[in-house]
Amino acid sequence: MSKTAVETKRKQKSKAKVIVVKTESPKPLPRRNPEVPPITIHPERLGGTPTIAGTRLPVVTLLDYLIEGATVQEFIDDFDAVSLGDVEAVLEKIKEALEEGWLAERVNE
């Protein structure tokens, strides 16, 4: 690729607009087990698999549903042991882990 082509690509990329919208966070919804963390591990339950608090429902089940295109409401309808507040708390915990770098791997590019 010629130097001119690379410069043209860079110029095109710099035209992208980024819009940041700040909104107030809504009040968290009630959880079924607010006294325990939203994601728990118990070595004697499901081999220590992370579960949604107070259930034997693996967190990966929620993620699988969402990856497959299901809505949160469909997940809640299929698993009556969790509430919308439970799902919200689990997703918030995953978001926090991402923001703190717990789920990312460093690359040197």
N, C-alpha and C. Protein backbone atom coordinates (compact mmCIF):
# COMPACT_ATOMS: atom_id res chain seq x y z
N MET A 1 0.86 -1.18 0.00
CA MET A 1 0.00 0.00 0.00
C MET A 1 0.89 1.23 0.00
N SER A 2 0.57 2.19 -0.82
CA SER A 2 1.40 3.38 -0.91
C SER A 2 1.18 4.28 0.29
N LYS A 3 2.14 5.19 0.49
CA LYS A 3 2.06 6.13 1.61
C LYS A 3 0.80 6.99 1.48
N THR A 4 0.46 7.39 0.29
CA THR A 4 -0.73 8.21 0.06
C THR A 4 -2.00 7.47 0.47
N ALA A 5 -2.08 6.19 0.14
CA ALA A 5 -3.26 5.40 0.50
C ALA A 5 -3.39 5.29 2.01
N VAL A 6 -2.28 5.12 2.71
CA VAL A 6 -2.31 5.02 4.17
C VAL A 6 -2.75 6.35 4.77
N GLU A 7 -2.24 7.46 4.24
CA GLU A 7 -2.63 8.77 4.75
C GLU A 7 -4.13 9.01 4.52
N THR A 8 -4.64 8.58 3.38
CA THR A 8 -6.06 8.74 3.08
C THR A 8 -6.90 7.95 4.07
N LYS A 9 -6.49 6.71 4.37
CA LYS A 9 -7.22 5.90 5.34
C LYS A 9 -7.23 6.58 6.70
N ARG A 10 -6.11 7.09 7.12
CA ARG A 10 -6.04 7.77 8.42
C ARG A 10 -6.96 8.98 8.45
N LYS A 11 -6.99 9.74 7.38
CA LYS A 11 -7.86 10.91 7.33
C LYS A 11 -9.33 10.49 7.43
N GLN A 12 -9.69 9.39 6.76
CA GLN A 12 -11.06 8.92 6.81
C GLN A 12 -11.43 8.49 8.22
N LYS A 13 -10.52 7.82 8.89
CA LYS A 13 -10.81 7.37 10.25
C LYS A 13 -10.97 8.55 11.19
N SER A 14 -10.23 9.62 10.98
CA SER A 14 -10.29 10.76 11.90
C SER A 14 -11.60 11.53 11.78
N LYS A 15 -12.38 11.28 10.74
CA LYS A 15 -13.66 11.97 10.56
C LYS A 15 -14.78 11.37 11.40
N ALA A 16 -14.51 10.26 12.05
CA ALA A 16 -15.54 9.61 12.86
C ALA A 16 -15.93 10.50 14.04
N LYS A 17 -17.20 10.53 14.33
CA LYS A 17 -17.70 11.31 15.45
C LYS A 17 -18.00 10.39 16.62
N VAL A 18 -17.65 10.83 17.78
CA VAL A 18 -17.95 10.07 18.99
C VAL A 18 -18.91 10.90 19.81
N ILE A 19 -20.01 10.30 20.17
CA ILE A 19 -21.01 10.99 20.97
C ILE A 19 -21.09 10.29 22.32
N VAL A 20 -20.91 11.05 23.38
CA VAL A 20 -21.00 10.50 24.73
C VAL A 20 -22.24 11.10 25.38
N VAL A 21 -23.11 10.25 25.83
CA VAL A 21 -24.34 10.70 26.47
C VAL A 21 -24.27 10.29 27.93
N LYS A 22 -24.39 11.28 28.80
CA LYS A 22 -24.40 10.98 30.23
C LYS A 22 -25.84 11.03 30.72
N THR A 23 -26.23 9.98 31.38
CA THR A 23 -27.57 9.93 31.95
C THR A 23 -27.46 9.55 33.42
N GLU A 24 -28.45 9.91 34.16
CA GLU A 24 -28.48 9.51 35.56
C GLU A 24 -28.82 8.04 35.63
N SER A 25 -28.13 7.33 36.50
CA SER A 25 -28.43 5.92 36.67
C SER A 25 -29.76 5.78 37.39
N PRO A 26 -30.63 4.93 36.87
CA PRO A 26 -31.90 4.71 37.56
C PRO A 26 -31.65 3.96 38.86
N LYS A 27 -32.58 4.09 39.76
CA LYS A 27 -32.48 3.38 41.03
C LYS A 27 -32.49 1.87 40.76
N PRO A 28 -31.56 1.13 41.38
CA PRO A 28 -31.53 -0.32 41.13
C PRO A 28 -32.86 -0.98 41.50
N LEU A 29 -33.21 -1.99 40.74
CA LEU A 29 -34.44 -2.74 41.00
C LEU A 29 -34.23 -3.68 42.18
N PRO A 30 -35.29 -4.04 42.88
CA PRO A 30 -35.16 -4.94 44.02
C PRO A 30 -34.66 -6.33 43.60
N ARG A 31 -33.84 -6.90 44.46
CA ARG A 31 -33.32 -8.25 44.24
C ARG A 31 -33.98 -9.21 45.20
N ARG A 32 -34.00 -10.49 44.85
CA ARG A 32 -34.59 -11.50 45.73
C ARG A 32 -33.71 -11.77 46.94
N ASN A 33 -32.39 -11.66 46.78
CA ASN A 33 -31.45 -11.92 47.88
C ASN A 33 -30.47 -10.76 48.01
N PRO A 34 -30.94 -9.59 48.42
CA PRO A 34 -30.05 -8.42 48.46
C PRO A 34 -28.94 -8.51 49.51
N GLU A 35 -29.08 -9.45 50.44
CA GLU A 35 -28.07 -9.57 51.51
C GLU A 35 -26.80 -10.28 51.05
N VAL A 36 -26.81 -10.89 49.87
CA VAL A 36 -25.61 -11.57 49.36
C VAL A 36 -25.18 -10.93 48.04
N PRO A 37 -23.90 -11.09 47.68
CA PRO A 37 -23.44 -10.53 46.40
C PRO A 37 -24.24 -11.11 45.23
N PRO A 38 -24.35 -10.38 44.13
CA PRO A 38 -25.16 -10.85 43.00
C PRO A 38 -24.63 -12.12 42.34
N ILE A 39 -23.32 -12.32 42.38
CA ILE A 39 -22.72 -13.53 41.82
C ILE A 39 -21.99 -14.23 42.95
N THR A 40 -22.33 -15.50 43.17
CA THR A 40 -21.71 -16.24 44.27
C THR A 40 -21.10 -17.54 43.77
N ILE A 41 -20.13 -18.02 44.54
CA ILE A 41 -19.48 -19.30 44.27
C ILE A 41 -19.52 -20.10 45.56
N HIS A 42 -19.95 -21.34 45.47
CA HIS A 42 -19.94 -22.24 46.61
C HIS A 42 -19.30 -23.54 46.14
N PRO A 43 -18.19 -23.94 46.78
CA PRO A 43 -17.46 -25.11 46.28
C PRO A 43 -18.28 -26.40 46.24
N GLU A 44 -19.33 -26.49 47.02
CA GLU A 44 -20.14 -27.71 47.04
C GLU A 44 -21.37 -27.63 46.15
N ARG A 45 -21.54 -26.52 45.45
CA ARG A 45 -22.68 -26.36 44.53
C ARG A 45 -22.16 -26.19 43.11
N LEU A 46 -22.56 -27.08 42.26
CA LEU A 46 -22.19 -27.02 40.85
C LEU A 46 -20.68 -26.92 40.65
N GLY A 47 -19.92 -27.54 41.54
CA GLY A 47 -18.47 -27.56 41.41
C GLY A 47 -17.82 -26.20 41.50
N GLY A 48 -18.46 -25.26 42.19
CA GLY A 48 -17.89 -23.92 42.34
C GLY A 48 -18.18 -22.99 41.18
N THR A 49 -19.11 -23.36 40.32
CA THR A 49 -19.51 -22.51 39.19
C THR A 49 -20.15 -21.23 39.71
N PRO A 50 -19.77 -20.06 39.18
CA PRO A 50 -20.44 -18.81 39.59
C PRO A 50 -21.93 -18.87 39.26
N THR A 51 -22.75 -18.58 40.28
CA THR A 51 -24.20 -18.62 40.11
C THR A 51 -24.84 -17.29 40.49
N ILE A 52 -26.06 -17.11 40.05
CA ILE A 52 -26.83 -15.94 40.45
C ILE A 52 -27.22 -16.14 41.91
N ALA A 53 -27.00 -15.15 42.74
CA ALA A 53 -27.20 -15.23 44.19
C ALA A 53 -28.49 -15.93 44.57
N GLY A 54 -28.36 -16.87 45.51
CA GLY A 54 -29.52 -17.56 46.05
C GLY A 54 -30.11 -18.61 45.14
N THR A 55 -29.44 -18.91 44.03
CA THR A 55 -29.95 -19.91 43.09
C THR A 55 -28.85 -20.91 42.76
N ARG A 56 -29.22 -21.91 42.01
CA ARG A 56 -28.24 -22.83 41.43
C ARG A 56 -28.13 -22.58 39.93
N LEU A 57 -28.43 -21.39 39.54
CA LEU A 57 -28.45 -20.99 38.13
C LEU A 57 -27.11 -20.35 37.76
N PRO A 58 -26.32 -21.02 36.90
CA PRO A 58 -25.03 -20.46 36.51
C PRO A 58 -25.18 -19.13 35.78
N VAL A 59 -24.26 -18.22 36.08
CA VAL A 59 -24.25 -16.92 35.41
C VAL A 59 -24.08 -17.10 33.90
N VAL A 60 -23.31 -18.11 33.48
CA VAL A 60 -23.11 -18.33 32.04
C VAL A 60 -24.42 -18.66 31.33
N THR A 61 -25.39 -19.18 32.05
CA THR A 61 -26.70 -19.45 31.43
C THR A 61 -27.33 -18.14 30.99
N LEU A 62 -27.27 -17.13 31.85
CA LEU A 62 -27.78 -15.80 31.49
C LEU A 62 -27.03 -15.27 30.27
N LEU A 63 -25.71 -15.37 30.30
CA LEU A 63 -24.92 -14.86 29.18
C LEU A 63 -25.23 -15.62 27.88
N ASP A 64 -25.39 -16.93 27.99
CA ASP A 64 -25.75 -17.73 26.81
C ASP A 64 -27.08 -17.26 26.21
N TYR A 65 -28.05 -17.01 27.06
CA TYR A 65 -29.35 -16.52 26.58
C TYR A 65 -29.17 -15.21 25.81
N LEU A 66 -28.45 -14.29 26.41
CA LEU A 66 -28.28 -12.98 25.78
C LEU A 66 -27.48 -13.08 24.48
N ILE A 67 -26.45 -13.91 24.46
CA ILE A 67 -25.65 -14.10 23.25
C ILE A 67 -26.50 -14.69 22.12
N GLU A 68 -27.41 -15.57 22.48
CA GLU A 68 -28.28 -16.20 21.48
C GLU A 68 -29.42 -15.28 21.02
N GLY A 69 -29.51 -14.09 21.59
CA GLY A 69 -30.50 -13.12 21.13
C GLY A 69 -31.76 -13.04 21.97
N ALA A 70 -31.82 -13.78 23.06
CA ALA A 70 -33.00 -13.71 23.94
C ALA A 70 -32.98 -12.39 24.71
N THR A 71 -34.13 -11.98 25.14
CA THR A 71 -34.22 -10.78 25.97
C THR A 71 -34.08 -11.16 27.43
N VAL A 72 -33.81 -10.17 28.25
CA VAL A 72 -33.74 -10.41 29.70
C VAL A 72 -35.08 -10.93 30.19
N GLN A 73 -36.17 -10.38 29.66
CA GLN A 73 -37.49 -10.82 30.09
C GLN A 73 -37.73 -12.29 29.74
N GLU A 74 -37.26 -12.73 28.59
CA GLU A 74 -37.39 -14.14 28.22
C GLU A 74 -36.62 -15.02 29.20
N PHE A 75 -35.45 -14.56 29.60
CA PHE A 75 -34.65 -15.30 30.58
C PHE A 75 -35.41 -15.41 31.90
N ILE A 76 -35.95 -14.31 32.37
CA ILE A 76 -36.69 -14.28 33.63
C ILE A 76 -37.93 -15.17 33.54
N ASP A 77 -38.59 -15.14 32.40
CA ASP A 77 -39.78 -15.98 32.20
C ASP A 77 -39.42 -17.47 32.28
N ASP A 78 -38.24 -17.83 31.77
CA ASP A 78 -37.82 -19.23 31.78
C ASP A 78 -37.27 -19.69 33.13
N PHE A 79 -36.77 -18.75 33.92
CA PHE A 79 -36.17 -19.09 35.21
C PHE A 79 -36.80 -18.21 36.30
N ASP A 80 -37.88 -18.69 36.88
CA ASP A 80 -38.62 -17.88 37.84
C ASP A 80 -37.89 -17.68 39.17
N ALA A 81 -36.72 -18.30 39.33
CA ALA A 81 -35.96 -18.11 40.57
C ALA A 81 -35.22 -16.78 40.60
N VAL A 82 -35.21 -16.06 39.47
CA VAL A 82 -34.52 -14.77 39.42
C VAL A 82 -35.49 -13.65 39.08
N SER A 83 -35.14 -12.47 39.54
CA SER A 83 -35.94 -11.28 39.25
C SER A 83 -35.17 -10.38 38.30
N LEU A 84 -35.83 -9.38 37.79
CA LEU A 84 -35.17 -8.39 36.95
C LEU A 84 -34.05 -7.71 37.72
N GLY A 85 -34.27 -7.45 39.00
CA GLY A 85 -33.23 -6.85 39.83
C GLY A 85 -32.01 -7.74 39.97
N ASP A 86 -32.23 -9.06 40.06
CA ASP A 86 -31.11 -10.01 40.13
C ASP A 86 -30.27 -9.94 38.85
N VAL A 87 -30.95 -9.97 37.71
CA VAL A 87 -30.24 -9.93 36.43
C VAL A 87 -29.50 -8.61 36.29
N GLU A 88 -30.15 -7.52 36.64
CA GLU A 88 -29.51 -6.20 36.57
C GLU A 88 -28.25 -6.17 37.43
N ALA A 89 -28.32 -6.71 38.65
CA ALA A 89 -27.17 -6.72 39.55
C ALA A 89 -26.02 -7.57 39.01
N VAL A 90 -26.34 -8.71 38.39
CA VAL A 90 -25.32 -9.58 37.81
C VAL A 90 -24.63 -8.85 36.65
N LEU A 91 -25.41 -8.25 35.77
CA LEU A 91 -24.82 -7.54 34.63
C LEU A 91 -23.99 -6.34 35.10
N GLU A 92 -24.43 -5.67 36.13
CA GLU A 92 -23.68 -4.55 36.69
C GLU A 92 -22.35 -5.04 37.26
N LYS A 93 -22.36 -6.18 37.92
CA LYS A 93 -21.14 -6.77 38.49
C LYS A 93 -20.16 -7.14 37.38
N ILE A 94 -20.65 -7.70 36.29
CA ILE A 94 -19.81 -8.03 35.15
C ILE A 94 -19.23 -6.76 34.54
N LYS A 95 -20.05 -5.73 34.44
CA LYS A 95 -19.59 -4.43 33.92
C LYS A 95 -18.47 -3.88 34.79
N GLU A 96 -18.64 -3.93 36.10
CA GLU A 96 -17.60 -3.45 37.02
C GLU A 96 -16.30 -4.22 36.82
N ALA A 97 -16.40 -5.54 36.66
CA ALA A 97 -15.21 -6.37 36.46
C ALA A 97 -14.49 -5.96 35.18
N LEU A 98 -15.24 -5.67 34.13
CA LEU A 98 -14.64 -5.21 32.88
C LEU A 98 -13.96 -3.86 33.06
N GLU A 99 -14.64 -2.94 33.72
CA GLU A 99 -14.09 -1.61 33.93
C GLU A 99 -12.82 -1.64 34.78
N GLU A 100 -12.73 -2.59 35.69
CA GLU A 100 -11.55 -2.70 36.55
C GLU A 100 -10.46 -3.55 35.93
N GLY A 101 -10.69 -4.09 34.73
CA GLY A 101 -9.68 -4.85 34.03
C GLY A 101 -9.59 -6.31 34.40
N TRP A 102 -10.55 -6.82 35.16
CA TRP A 102 -10.50 -8.21 35.61
C TRP A 102 -10.72 -9.20 34.48
N LEU A 103 -11.45 -8.84 33.47
CA LEU A 103 -11.78 -9.77 32.40
C LEU A 103 -11.01 -9.53 31.11
N ALA A 104 -10.07 -8.62 31.14
CA ALA A 104 -9.32 -8.28 29.93
C ALA A 104 -7.90 -8.81 30.02
N GLU A 105 -7.33 -9.08 28.88
CA GLU A 105 -5.95 -9.52 28.80
C GLU A 105 -5.13 -8.44 28.11
N ARG A 106 -3.97 -8.16 28.68
CA ARG A 106 -3.11 -7.11 28.14
C ARG A 106 -2.49 -7.58 26.83
N VAL A 107 -2.47 -6.69 25.85
CA VAL A 107 -1.77 -6.95 24.59
C VAL A 107 -0.82 -5.79 24.34
N ASN A 108 0.26 -6.08 23.73
CA ASN A 108 1.25 -5.04 23.39
C ASN A 108 1.27 -4.89 21.89
N GLU A 109 0.62 -3.86 21.44
CA GLU A 109 0.58 -3.59 19.99
C GLU A 109 1.17 -2.26 19.70
